[in-house]
Amino acid sequence: MATTAGTTIEWYDFFIYANVAALLLGKLFFSGLGEWKELVSIACGHALTRV
């Protein structure tokens, strides 16, 4: 039961981070790039957290 709760919280945390990153952080950290490159850069950064 505790494992399920911990895993759920962890996946929820990653879900929130991915949404915030896609909507907000791309504009803050990669504003010089185009919109497509911002999204790809954030997606690559998020993928690195999974490794």
N, C-alpha and C. Protein backbone atom coordinates (compact mmCIF):
# COMPACT_ATOMS: atom_id res chain seq x y z
N MET A 1 0.82 -1.19 0.00
CA MET A 1 0.00 0.00 0.00
C MET A 1 0.87 1.27 0.00
N ALA A 2 1.90 1.28 0.82
CA ALA A 2 2.78 2.44 0.88
C ALA A 2 3.53 2.63 -0.43
N THR A 3 3.90 1.53 -1.07
CA THR A 3 4.60 1.61 -2.35
C THR A 3 3.72 2.24 -3.41
N THR A 4 2.47 1.87 -3.43
CA THR A 4 1.53 2.44 -4.40
C THR A 4 1.35 3.93 -4.17
N ALA A 5 1.24 4.33 -2.92
CA ALA A 5 1.08 5.75 -2.62
C ALA A 5 2.33 6.54 -3.03
N GLY A 6 3.51 6.00 -2.74
CA GLY A 6 4.75 6.68 -3.10
C GLY A 6 4.92 6.80 -4.60
N THR A 7 4.61 5.74 -5.32
CA THR A 7 4.73 5.75 -6.77
C THR A 7 3.73 6.74 -7.38
N THR A 8 2.53 6.77 -6.85
CA THR A 8 1.52 7.71 -7.35
C THR A 8 1.96 9.15 -7.15
N ILE A 9 2.50 9.45 -6.00
CA ILE A 9 2.98 10.82 -5.73
C ILE A 9 4.14 11.16 -6.66
N GLU A 10 5.04 10.22 -6.89
CA GLU A 10 6.18 10.48 -7.77
C GLU A 10 5.72 10.75 -9.20
N TRP A 11 4.81 9.94 -9.73
CA TRP A 11 4.33 10.14 -11.09
C TRP A 11 3.54 11.44 -11.21
N TYR A 12 2.79 11.79 -10.15
CA TYR A 12 2.06 13.05 -10.16
C TYR A 12 3.04 14.22 -10.20
N ASP A 13 4.13 14.11 -9.44
CA ASP A 13 5.16 15.14 -9.43
C ASP A 13 5.77 15.32 -10.82
N PHE A 14 6.09 14.23 -11.50
CA PHE A 14 6.62 14.32 -12.86
C PHE A 14 5.59 14.90 -13.82
N PHE A 15 4.33 14.56 -13.64
CA PHE A 15 3.26 15.09 -14.50
C PHE A 15 3.15 16.61 -14.35
N ILE A 16 3.17 17.09 -13.11
CA ILE A 16 3.09 18.53 -12.86
C ILE A 16 4.31 19.23 -13.45
N TYR A 17 5.50 18.66 -13.23
CA TYR A 17 6.72 19.27 -13.77
C TYR A 17 6.66 19.35 -15.29
N ALA A 18 6.22 18.27 -15.94
CA ALA A 18 6.16 18.26 -17.41
C ALA A 18 5.22 19.34 -17.93
N ASN A 19 4.09 19.52 -17.29
CA ASN A 19 3.15 20.54 -17.74
C ASN A 19 3.68 21.95 -17.51
N VAL A 20 4.26 22.19 -16.35
CA VAL A 20 4.83 23.51 -16.07
C VAL A 20 5.99 23.80 -17.02
N ALA A 21 6.81 22.78 -17.25
CA ALA A 21 7.95 22.97 -18.15
C ALA A 21 7.48 23.30 -19.55
N ALA A 22 6.49 22.60 -20.03
CA ALA A 22 6.02 22.84 -21.39
C ALA A 22 5.36 24.21 -21.53
N LEU A 23 4.66 24.65 -20.51
CA LEU A 23 3.92 25.90 -20.61
C LEU A 23 4.70 27.14 -20.19
N LEU A 24 5.64 26.99 -19.27
CA LEU A 24 6.26 28.17 -18.68
C LEU A 24 7.77 28.21 -18.82
N LEU A 25 8.44 27.13 -18.51
CA LEU A 25 9.90 27.15 -18.44
C LEU A 25 10.57 27.32 -19.80
N GLY A 26 9.94 26.88 -20.86
CA GLY A 26 10.49 27.07 -22.19
C GLY A 26 10.67 28.54 -22.52
N LYS A 27 9.70 29.34 -22.15
CA LYS A 27 9.76 30.78 -22.40
C LYS A 27 10.84 31.45 -21.55
N LEU A 28 11.05 30.94 -20.33
CA LEU A 28 12.03 31.55 -19.43
C LEU A 28 13.47 31.21 -19.80
N PHE A 29 13.73 29.95 -20.11
CA PHE A 29 15.10 29.50 -20.30
C PHE A 29 15.54 29.40 -21.76
N PHE A 30 14.61 29.24 -22.67
CA PHE A 30 14.96 29.06 -24.08
C PHE A 30 14.23 30.07 -24.95
N SER A 31 14.12 31.30 -24.51
CA SER A 31 13.34 32.29 -25.23
C SER A 31 13.97 32.69 -26.57
N GLY A 32 15.27 32.51 -26.72
CA GLY A 32 15.93 32.87 -27.98
C GLY A 32 15.64 31.89 -29.10
N LEU A 33 15.20 30.70 -28.75
CA LEU A 33 14.89 29.69 -29.75
C LEU A 33 13.45 29.88 -30.23
N GLY A 34 13.11 29.21 -31.27
CA GLY A 34 11.73 29.24 -31.74
C GLY A 34 10.85 28.40 -30.82
N GLU A 35 9.56 28.48 -31.04
CA GLU A 35 8.61 27.76 -30.19
C GLU A 35 8.82 26.25 -30.25
N TRP A 36 9.07 25.72 -31.43
CA TRP A 36 9.30 24.28 -31.60
C TRP A 36 10.56 23.83 -30.87
N LYS A 37 11.64 24.60 -30.99
CA LYS A 37 12.90 24.24 -30.33
C LYS A 37 12.80 24.37 -28.81
N GLU A 38 11.99 25.32 -28.33
CA GLU A 38 11.75 25.43 -26.90
C GLU A 38 11.13 24.14 -26.37
N LEU A 39 10.10 23.67 -27.07
CA LEU A 39 9.40 22.46 -26.65
C LEU A 39 10.31 21.24 -26.70
N VAL A 40 11.11 21.13 -27.74
CA VAL A 40 12.03 19.99 -27.87
C VAL A 40 13.10 20.06 -26.77
N SER A 41 13.61 21.23 -26.47
CA SER A 41 14.62 21.37 -25.43
C SER A 41 14.06 20.98 -24.06
N ILE A 42 12.86 21.40 -23.77
CA ILE A 42 12.23 21.04 -22.50
C ILE A 42 11.94 19.55 -22.47
N ALA A 43 11.50 18.97 -23.56
CA ALA A 43 11.23 17.53 -23.60
C ALA A 43 12.50 16.72 -23.40
N CYS A 44 13.60 17.17 -23.97
CA CYS A 44 14.88 16.49 -23.78
C CYS A 44 15.34 16.60 -22.33
N GLY A 45 15.17 17.76 -21.74
CA GLY A 45 15.51 17.92 -20.32
C GLY A 45 14.68 17.03 -19.43
N HIS A 46 13.40 16.94 -19.75
CA HIS A 46 12.52 16.06 -18.97
C HIS A 46 12.89 14.59 -19.17
N ALA A 47 13.26 14.23 -20.38
CA ALA A 47 13.66 12.84 -20.65
C ALA A 47 14.94 12.48 -19.89
N LEU A 48 15.84 13.44 -19.71
CA LEU A 48 17.06 13.17 -18.96
C LEU A 48 16.79 12.87 -17.49
N THR A 49 15.69 13.40 -16.96
CA THR A 49 15.37 13.10 -15.56
C THR A 49 14.89 11.66 -15.39
N ARG A 50 14.48 11.05 -16.47
CA ARG A 50 14.01 9.66 -16.41
C ARG A 50 15.14 8.64 -16.49
N VAL A 51 16.32 9.08 -16.92
CA VAL A 51 17.43 8.15 -17.09
C VAL A 51 18.10 7.86 -15.78
